Amino acid sequence: MPKLSRGWKVSLIIFLILLVDQALKIWIKTHMCMHESIQVTDWFYLYFTENNGMAFGIELFDKLFLTLFRIAAVVALFWYLYRICPKKTTRLGYCVCISLIIAGALGNIIDCLFYGLIFNDSIGQVAVLFPEGGGYSSFLYGKVVDMFYFPLIDTNYPNWMPFVGGDHFIFFRPVFNLADSAISVGIVLLLLFYHRDLSEVSTAKEEIGTSANK
């Protein structure tokens, strides 16, 4: 069996993450109502929710701006990966990290671009794929589907604690999806194991800029 090239390996990673991410999101949309949950273990639930914002449900920017920014960022990362991946000096793990970030961003972009068109609303009902009356929103304004919920610690603060004594406490609260996970894992691995590669990229850019100004 012929050995896969580096380009094919990272392409396969992106494809598989997208495939699993979208398959899981479509299943959640077509089998669960909004805020419905399925308990898998005491500390892991499939909890259906949607958001307009960034990873883990954070909402900091306008929806249209965020979607267009994601598209621009993915195009730039694709171009960057295409440039560095064939180089023998580039480590495969570094390319894998970039591909994880690209796959995660693409997974959420697909939701934003098309889910408003191809699904009806999930509030109080299970959504239908390609409903007769049309989707719940327009192109670029779809919501990102989240489903992973890990309440690892579910308890109350001790009564003696000031300000929060007796209040309910949950760790970890955010609900996220596979695409968010891919982005987070890619970034963490870059910072932990490939910071030297990132430094080399920054140094190369500075050298190019200095040469251009001479």
C-alpha atoms as a PDB file:
ATOM      1  CA  MET A   1       0.000   0.000   0.000  1.00  0.00           C
ATOM      2  CA  PRO A   2       1.537   3.371  -0.998  1.00  0.00           C
ATOM      3  CA  LYS A   3       2.415   5.731   1.835  1.00  0.00           C
ATOM      4  CA  LEU A   4       0.178   8.787   2.129  1.00  0.00           C
ATOM      5  CA  SER A   5       1.884  12.099   1.518  1.00  0.00           C
ATOM      6  CA  ARG A   6       1.826  14.775   4.190  1.00  0.00           C
ATOM      7  CA  GLY A   7      -0.762  16.756   2.228  1.00  0.00           C
ATOM      8  CA  TRP A   8      -3.090  13.774   2.015  1.00  0.00           C
ATOM      9  CA  LYS A   9      -2.728  13.091   5.735  1.00  0.00           C
ATOM     10  CA  VAL A  10      -3.760  16.576   6.810  1.00  0.00           C
ATOM     11  CA  SER A  11      -6.546  16.602   4.198  1.00  0.00           C
ATOM     12  CA  LEU A  12      -7.853  13.314   5.624  1.00  0.00           C
ATOM     13  CA  ILE A  13      -7.812  14.755   9.156  1.00  0.00           C
ATOM     14  CA  ILE A  14      -9.843  17.771   8.051  1.00  0.00           C
ATOM     15  CA  PHE A  15     -12.332  15.597   6.142  1.00  0.00           C
ATOM     16  CA  LEU A  16     -12.874  13.109   8.991  1.00  0.00           C
ATOM     17  CA  ILE A  17     -13.383  15.809  11.630  1.00  0.00           C
ATOM     18  CA  LEU A  18     -15.855  17.615   9.375  1.00  0.00           C
ATOM     19  CA  LEU A  19     -17.704  14.368   8.625  1.00  0.00           C
ATOM     20  CA  VAL A  20     -18.097  13.345  12.272  1.00  0.00           C
ATOM     21  CA  ASP A  21     -18.868  16.893  13.420  1.00  0.00           C
ATOM     22  CA  GLN A  22     -21.640  17.399  10.873  1.00  0.00           C
ATOM     23  CA  ALA A  23     -23.078  13.894  11.316  1.00  0.00           C
ATOM     24  CA  LEU A  24     -23.369  14.447  15.062  1.00  0.00           C
ATOM     25  CA  LYS A  25     -24.892  17.924  14.674  1.00  0.00           C
ATOM     26  CA  ILE A  26     -27.474  16.706  12.150  1.00  0.00           C
ATOM     27  CA  TRP A  27     -28.399  13.803  14.441  1.00  0.00           C
ATOM     28  CA  ILE A  28     -28.828  16.148  17.396  1.00  0.00           C
ATOM     29  CA  LYS A  29     -30.965  18.572  15.338  1.00  0.00           C
ATOM     30  CA  THR A  30     -33.226  15.839  13.984  1.00  0.00           C
ATOM     31  CA  HIS A  31     -33.623  13.833  17.220  1.00  0.00           C
ATOM     32  CA  MET A  32     -33.685  16.370  20.082  1.00  0.00           C
ATOM     33  CA  CYS A  33     -35.565  19.533  21.021  1.00  0.00           C
ATOM     34  CA  MET A  34     -33.760  22.628  22.235  1.00  0.00           C
ATOM     35  CA  HIS A  35     -32.376  22.156  25.787  1.00  0.00           C
ATOM     36  CA  GLU A  36     -33.200  18.455  25.821  1.00  0.00           C
ATOM     37  CA  SER A  37     -30.481  16.302  27.339  1.00  0.00           C
ATOM     38  CA  ILE A  38     -29.389  12.664  27.320  1.00  0.00           C
ATOM     39  CA  GLN A  39     -27.351  11.452  30.291  1.00  0.00           C
ATOM     40  CA  VAL A  40     -24.413   9.329  29.179  1.00  0.00           C
ATOM     41  CA  THR A  41     -22.635   9.202  32.563  1.00  0.00           C
ATOM     42  CA  ASP A  42     -22.880  11.170  35.823  1.00  0.00           C
ATOM     43  CA  TRP A  43     -20.411  13.687  34.434  1.00  0.00           C
ATOM     44  CA  PHE A  44     -21.226  13.650  30.695  1.00  0.00           C
ATOM     45  CA  TYR A  45     -24.436  14.665  28.943  1.00  0.00           C
ATOM     46  CA  LEU A  46     -25.542  15.262  25.392  1.00  0.00           C
ATOM     47  CA  TYR A  47     -27.275  18.598  25.894  1.00  0.00           C
ATOM     48  CA  PHE A  48     -28.716  20.319  22.826  1.00  0.00           C
ATOM     49  CA  THR A  49     -28.246  24.044  22.606  1.00  0.00           C
ATOM     50  CA  GLU A  50     -27.397  26.591  19.915  1.00  0.00           C
ATOM     51  CA  ASN A  51     -25.419  29.802  19.887  1.00  0.00           C
ATOM     52  CA  ASN A  52     -24.580  32.716  17.601  1.00  0.00           C
ATOM     53  CA  GLY A  53     -21.079  33.225  18.888  1.00  0.00           C
ATOM     54  CA  MET A  54     -17.639  31.774  19.135  1.00  0.00           C
ATOM     55  CA  ALA A  55     -16.400  28.561  20.725  1.00  0.00           C
ATOM     56  CA  PHE A  56     -18.125  27.400  23.943  1.00  0.00           C
ATOM     57  CA  GLY A  57     -21.072  29.740  23.371  1.00  0.00           C
ATOM     58  CA  ILE A  58     -19.139  32.985  23.878  1.00  0.00           C
ATOM     59  CA  GLU A  59     -20.854  35.928  22.148  1.00  0.00           C
ATOM     60  CA  LEU A  60     -18.623  38.964  21.669  1.00  0.00           C
ATOM     61  CA  PHE A  61     -19.248  40.160  18.112  1.00  0.00           C
ATOM     62  CA  ASP A  62     -22.026  40.728  15.596  1.00  0.00           C
ATOM     63  CA  LYS A  63     -23.194  37.510  13.927  1.00  0.00           C
ATOM     64  CA  LEU A  64     -22.449  38.587  10.347  1.00  0.00           C
ATOM     65  CA  PHE A  65     -19.034  39.964  11.281  1.00  0.00           C
ATOM     66  CA  LEU A  66     -18.147  36.755  13.104  1.00  0.00           C
ATOM     67  CA  THR A  67     -19.174  34.530  10.175  1.00  0.00           C
ATOM     68  CA  LEU A  68     -17.248  36.596   7.626  1.00  0.00           C
ATOM     69  CA  PHE A  69     -14.224  36.726   9.934  1.00  0.00           C
ATOM     70  CA  ARG A  70     -14.282  32.926  10.272  1.00  0.00           C
ATOM     71  CA  ILE A  71     -14.402  32.511   6.491  1.00  0.00           C
ATOM     72  CA  ALA A  72     -11.486  34.903   5.980  1.00  0.00           C
ATOM     73  CA  ALA A  73      -9.477  33.195   8.719  1.00  0.00           C
ATOM     74  CA  VAL A  74     -10.038  29.722   7.243  1.00  0.00           C
ATOM     75  CA  VAL A  75      -9.040  30.893   3.747  1.00  0.00           C
ATOM     76  CA  ALA A  76      -5.838  32.369   5.203  1.00  0.00           C
ATOM     77  CA  LEU A  77      -5.084  29.192   7.169  1.00  0.00           C
ATOM     78  CA  PHE A  78      -5.707  27.012   4.113  1.00  0.00           C
ATOM     79  CA  TRP A  79      -3.260  29.122   2.098  1.00  0.00           C
ATOM     80  CA  TYR A  80      -0.734  28.983   4.937  1.00  0.00           C
ATOM     81  CA  LEU A  81      -1.062  25.185   5.278  1.00  0.00           C
ATOM     82  CA  TYR A  82      -0.697  24.775   1.502  1.00  0.00           C
ATOM     83  CA  ARG A  83       2.524  26.788   1.612  1.00  0.00           C
ATOM     84  CA  ILE A  84       4.220  25.143   4.614  1.00  0.00           C
ATOM     85  CA  CYS A  85       3.019  21.535   4.450  1.00  0.00           C
ATOM     86  CA  PRO A  86       5.216  20.378   1.507  1.00  0.00           C
ATOM     87  CA  LYS A  87       8.404  21.759   3.116  1.00  0.00           C
ATOM     88  CA  LYS A  88      10.662  19.112   4.630  1.00  0.00           C
ATOM     89  CA  THR A  89      11.624  21.510   7.414  1.00  0.00           C
ATOM     90  CA  THR A  90       8.012  21.708   8.612  1.00  0.00           C
ATOM     91  CA  ARG A  91       7.137  19.080  11.194  1.00  0.00           C
ATOM     92  CA  LEU A  92       4.093  16.914  10.492  1.00  0.00           C
ATOM     93  CA  GLY A  93       2.686  17.553  13.964  1.00  0.00           C
ATOM     94  CA  TYR A  94       2.687  21.284  13.293  1.00  0.00           C
ATOM     95  CA  CYS A  95       0.690  20.738  10.101  1.00  0.00           C
ATOM     96  CA  VAL A  96      -1.727  18.499  12.001  1.00  0.00           C
ATOM     97  CA  CYS A  97      -2.342  21.247  14.567  1.00  0.00           C
ATOM     98  CA  ILE A  98      -3.123  23.763  11.831  1.00  0.00           C
ATOM     99  CA  SER A  99      -5.432  21.252  10.147  1.00  0.00           C
ATOM    100  CA  LEU A 100      -7.320  20.698  13.441  1.00  0.00           C
ATOM    101  CA  ILE A 101      -7.952  24.429  13.726  1.00  0.00           C
ATOM    102  CA  ILE A 102      -9.067  24.626  10.081  1.00  0.00           C
ATOM    103  CA  ALA A 103     -11.424  21.641  10.459  1.00  0.00           C
ATOM    104  CA  GLY A 104     -12.985  23.066  13.615  1.00  0.00           C
ATOM    105  CA  ALA A 105     -13.504  26.494  12.086  1.00  0.00           C
ATOM    106  CA  LEU A 106     -15.004  24.954   8.941  1.00  0.00           C
ATOM    107  CA  GLY A 107     -17.377  22.811  11.001  1.00  0.00           C
ATOM    108  CA  ASN A 108     -18.881  25.865  12.693  1.00  0.00           C
ATOM    109  CA  ILE A 109     -18.875  27.894   9.474  1.00  0.00           C
ATOM    110  CA  ILE A 110     -21.075  25.255   7.807  1.00  0.00           C
ATOM    111  CA  ASP A 111     -23.629  25.705  10.614  1.00  0.00           C
ATOM    112  CA  CYS A 112     -23.616  29.484  10.169  1.00  0.00           C
ATOM    113  CA  LEU A 113     -23.907  29.348   6.386  1.00  0.00           C
ATOM    114  CA  PHE A 114     -26.529  26.662   5.863  1.00  0.00           C
ATOM    115  CA  TYR A 115     -28.327  25.498   9.021  1.00  0.00           C
ATOM    116  CA  GLY A 116     -30.710  28.453   9.002  1.00  0.00           C
ATOM    117  CA  LEU A 117     -31.722  27.465   5.472  1.00  0.00           C
ATOM    118  CA  ILE A 118     -32.034  23.685   5.820  1.00  0.00           C
ATOM    119  CA  PHE A 119     -33.561  23.296   9.315  1.00  0.00           C
ATOM    120  CA  ASN A 120     -36.656  24.731  10.966  1.00  0.00           C
ATOM    121  CA  ASP A 121     -36.616  25.883  14.585  1.00  0.00           C
ATOM    122  CA  SER A 122     -35.883  23.430  17.409  1.00  0.00           C
ATOM    123  CA  ILE A 123     -37.734  25.250  20.191  1.00  0.00           C
ATOM    124  CA  GLY A 124     -40.464  22.939  21.507  1.00  0.00           C
ATOM    125  CA  GLN A 125     -40.050  20.538  18.589  1.00  0.00           C
ATOM    126  CA  VAL A 126     -37.572  18.303  16.808  1.00  0.00           C
ATOM    127  CA  ALA A 127     -36.249  20.118  13.754  1.00  0.00           C
ATOM    128  CA  VAL A 128     -36.880  18.794  10.250  1.00  0.00           C
ATOM    129  CA  LEU A 129     -34.175  18.697   7.584  1.00  0.00           C
ATOM    130  CA  PHE A 130     -35.315  20.632   4.486  1.00  0.00           C
ATOM    131  CA  PRO A 131     -38.763  21.636   5.885  1.00  0.00           C
ATOM    132  CA  GLU A 132     -41.525  22.594   3.457  1.00  0.00           C
ATOM    133  CA  GLY A 133     -41.940  26.050   4.936  1.00  0.00           C
ATOM    134  CA  GLY A 134     -38.248  26.836   4.723  1.00  0.00           C
ATOM    135  CA  GLY A 135     -35.620  27.219   7.405  1.00  0.00           C
ATOM    136  CA  TYR A 136     -35.564  29.305  10.560  1.00  0.00           C
ATOM    137  CA  SER A 137     -33.191  31.938   9.169  1.00  0.00           C
ATOM    138  CA  SER A 138     -31.290  33.122   6.111  1.00  0.00           C
ATOM    139  CA  PHE A 139     -27.897  32.440   4.563  1.00  0.00           C
ATOM    140  CA  LEU A 140     -25.004  33.377   6.908  1.00  0.00           C
ATOM    141  CA  TYR A 141     -27.317  33.580   9.935  1.00  0.00           C
ATOM    142  CA  GLY A 142     -27.562  29.947  11.004  1.00  0.00           C
ATOM    143  CA  LYS A 143     -26.836  29.005  14.606  1.00  0.00           C
ATOM    144  CA  VAL A 144     -24.007  26.731  15.727  1.00  0.00           C
ATOM    145  CA  VAL A 145     -25.161  23.440  17.265  1.00  0.00           C
ATOM    146  CA  ASP A 146     -23.552  22.462  20.591  1.00  0.00           C
ATOM    147  CA  MET A 147     -24.066  19.234  22.512  1.00  0.00           C
ATOM    148  CA  PHE A 148     -21.152  18.198  24.771  1.00  0.00           C
ATOM    149  CA  TYR A 149     -21.747  19.032  28.438  1.00  0.00           C
ATOM    150  CA  PHE A 150     -19.362  17.919  31.176  1.00  0.00           C
ATOM    151  CA  PRO A 151     -20.587  18.903  34.689  1.00  0.00           C
ATOM    152  CA  LEU A 152     -17.539  17.318  36.300  1.00  0.00           C
ATOM    153  CA  ILE A 153     -18.340  18.868  39.687  1.00  0.00           C
ATOM    154  CA  ASP A 154     -21.966  19.572  40.619  1.00  0.00           C
ATOM    155  CA  THR A 155     -22.290  20.796  44.191  1.00  0.00           C
ATOM    156  CA  ASN A 156     -22.965  23.828  46.427  1.00  0.00           C
ATOM    157  CA  TYR A 157     -20.477  26.275  47.881  1.00  0.00           C
ATOM    158  CA  PRO A 158     -19.982  25.834  51.658  1.00  0.00           C
ATOM    159  CA  ASN A 159     -22.276  28.102  53.673  1.00  0.00           C
ATOM    160  CA  TRP A 160     -19.326  29.781  55.385  1.00  0.00           C
ATOM    161  CA  MET A 161     -17.947  31.197  52.121  1.00  0.00           C
ATOM    162  CA  PRO A 162     -18.603  34.949  51.743  1.00  0.00           C
ATOM    163  CA  PHE A 163     -20.851  36.182  48.891  1.00  0.00           C
ATOM    164  CA  VAL A 164     -21.397  32.703  47.328  1.00  0.00           C
ATOM    165  CA  GLY A 165     -22.054  30.532  50.393  1.00  0.00           C
ATOM    166  CA  GLY A 166     -24.789  27.980  49.689  1.00  0.00           C
ATOM    167  CA  ASP A 167     -24.991  28.854  45.976  1.00  0.00           C
ATOM    168  CA  HIS A 168     -25.039  26.118  43.370  1.00  0.00           C
ATOM    169  CA  PHE A 169     -21.694  25.465  41.682  1.00  0.00           C
ATOM    170  CA  ILE A 170     -21.013  23.509  38.469  1.00  0.00           C
ATOM    171  CA  PHE A 171     -17.644  22.843  36.888  1.00  0.00           C
ATOM    172  CA  PHE A 172     -17.404  22.611  33.818  1.00  0.00           C
ATOM    173  CA  ARG A 173     -20.418  24.684  32.571  1.00  0.00           C
ATOM    174  CA  PRO A 174     -19.758  25.417  28.864  1.00  0.00           C
ATOM    175  CA  VAL A 175     -21.575  23.349  26.233  1.00  0.00           C
ATOM    176  CA  PHE A 176     -19.511  22.795  23.081  1.00  0.00           C
ATOM    177  CA  ASN A 177     -19.165  20.626  19.978  1.00  0.00           C
ATOM    178  CA  LEU A 178     -16.525  18.567  18.190  1.00  0.00           C
ATOM    179  CA  ALA A 179     -15.474  21.528  16.047  1.00  0.00           C
ATOM    180  CA  ASP A 180     -14.789  23.615  19.177  1.00  0.00           C
ATOM    181  CA  SER A 181     -12.761  20.721  20.579  1.00  0.00           C
ATOM    182  CA  ALA A 182     -10.661  20.451  17.422  1.00  0.00           C
ATOM    183  CA  ILE A 183      -9.848  24.168  17.542  1.00  0.00           C
ATOM    184  CA  SER A 184      -8.969  24.050  21.244  1.00  0.00           C
ATOM    185  CA  VAL A 185      -6.804  20.920  20.929  1.00  0.00           C
ATOM    186  CA  GLY A 186      -4.988  22.376  17.907  1.00  0.00           C
ATOM    187  CA  ILE A 187      -4.214  25.643  19.722  1.00  0.00           C
ATOM    188  CA  VAL A 188      -3.130  23.945  22.972  1.00  0.00           C
ATOM    189  CA  LEU A 189      -0.819  21.537  21.128  1.00  0.00           C
ATOM    190  CA  LEU A 190       0.692  24.428  19.179  1.00  0.00           C
ATOM    191  CA  LEU A 191       1.452  26.322  22.380  1.00  0.00           C
ATOM    192  CA  LEU A 192       2.785  23.280  24.241  1.00  0.00           C
ATOM    193  CA  PHE A 193       4.843  21.487  21.607  1.00  0.00           C
ATOM    194  CA  TYR A 194       5.234  23.735  18.557  1.00  0.00           C
ATOM    195  CA  HIS A 195       5.927  27.195  19.977  1.00  0.00           C
ATOM    196  CA  ARG A 196       9.353  27.037  18.315  1.00  0.00           C
ATOM    197  CA  ASP A 197       7.678  26.589  14.929  1.00  0.00           C
ATOM    198  CA  LEU A 198       5.447  29.586  15.635  1.00  0.00           C
ATOM    199  CA  SER A 199       8.500  31.628  16.611  1.00  0.00           C
ATOM    200  CA  GLU A 200      10.239  30.686  13.370  1.00  0.00           C
ATOM    201  CA  VAL A 201       7.200  31.825  11.375  1.00  0.00           C
ATOM    202  CA  SER A 202       7.215  35.194  13.178  1.00  0.00           C
ATOM    203  CA  THR A 203      10.964  35.582  12.622  1.00  0.00           C
ATOM    204  CA  ALA A 204      10.611  34.779   8.910  1.00  0.00           C
ATOM    205  CA  LYS A 205       7.862  37.409   8.548  1.00  0.00           C
ATOM    206  CA  GLU A 206      10.017  40.019  10.273  1.00  0.00           C
ATOM    207  CA  GLU A 207      12.962  39.235   7.995  1.00  0.00           C
ATOM    208  CA  ILE A 208      10.773  39.526   4.900  1.00  0.00           C
ATOM    209  CA  GLY A 209       9.393  42.843   6.130  1.00  0.00           C
ATOM    210  CA  THR A 210      12.871  44.179   6.878  1.00  0.00           C
ATOM    211  CA  SER A 211      14.157  43.157   3.439  1.00  0.00           C
ATOM    212  CA  ALA A 212      11.188  44.784   1.715  1.00  0.00           C
ATOM    213  CA  ASN A 213      11.821  48.098   3.507  1.00  0.00           C
ATOM    214  CA  LYS A 214      15.492  48.292   2.518  1.00  0.00           C
END
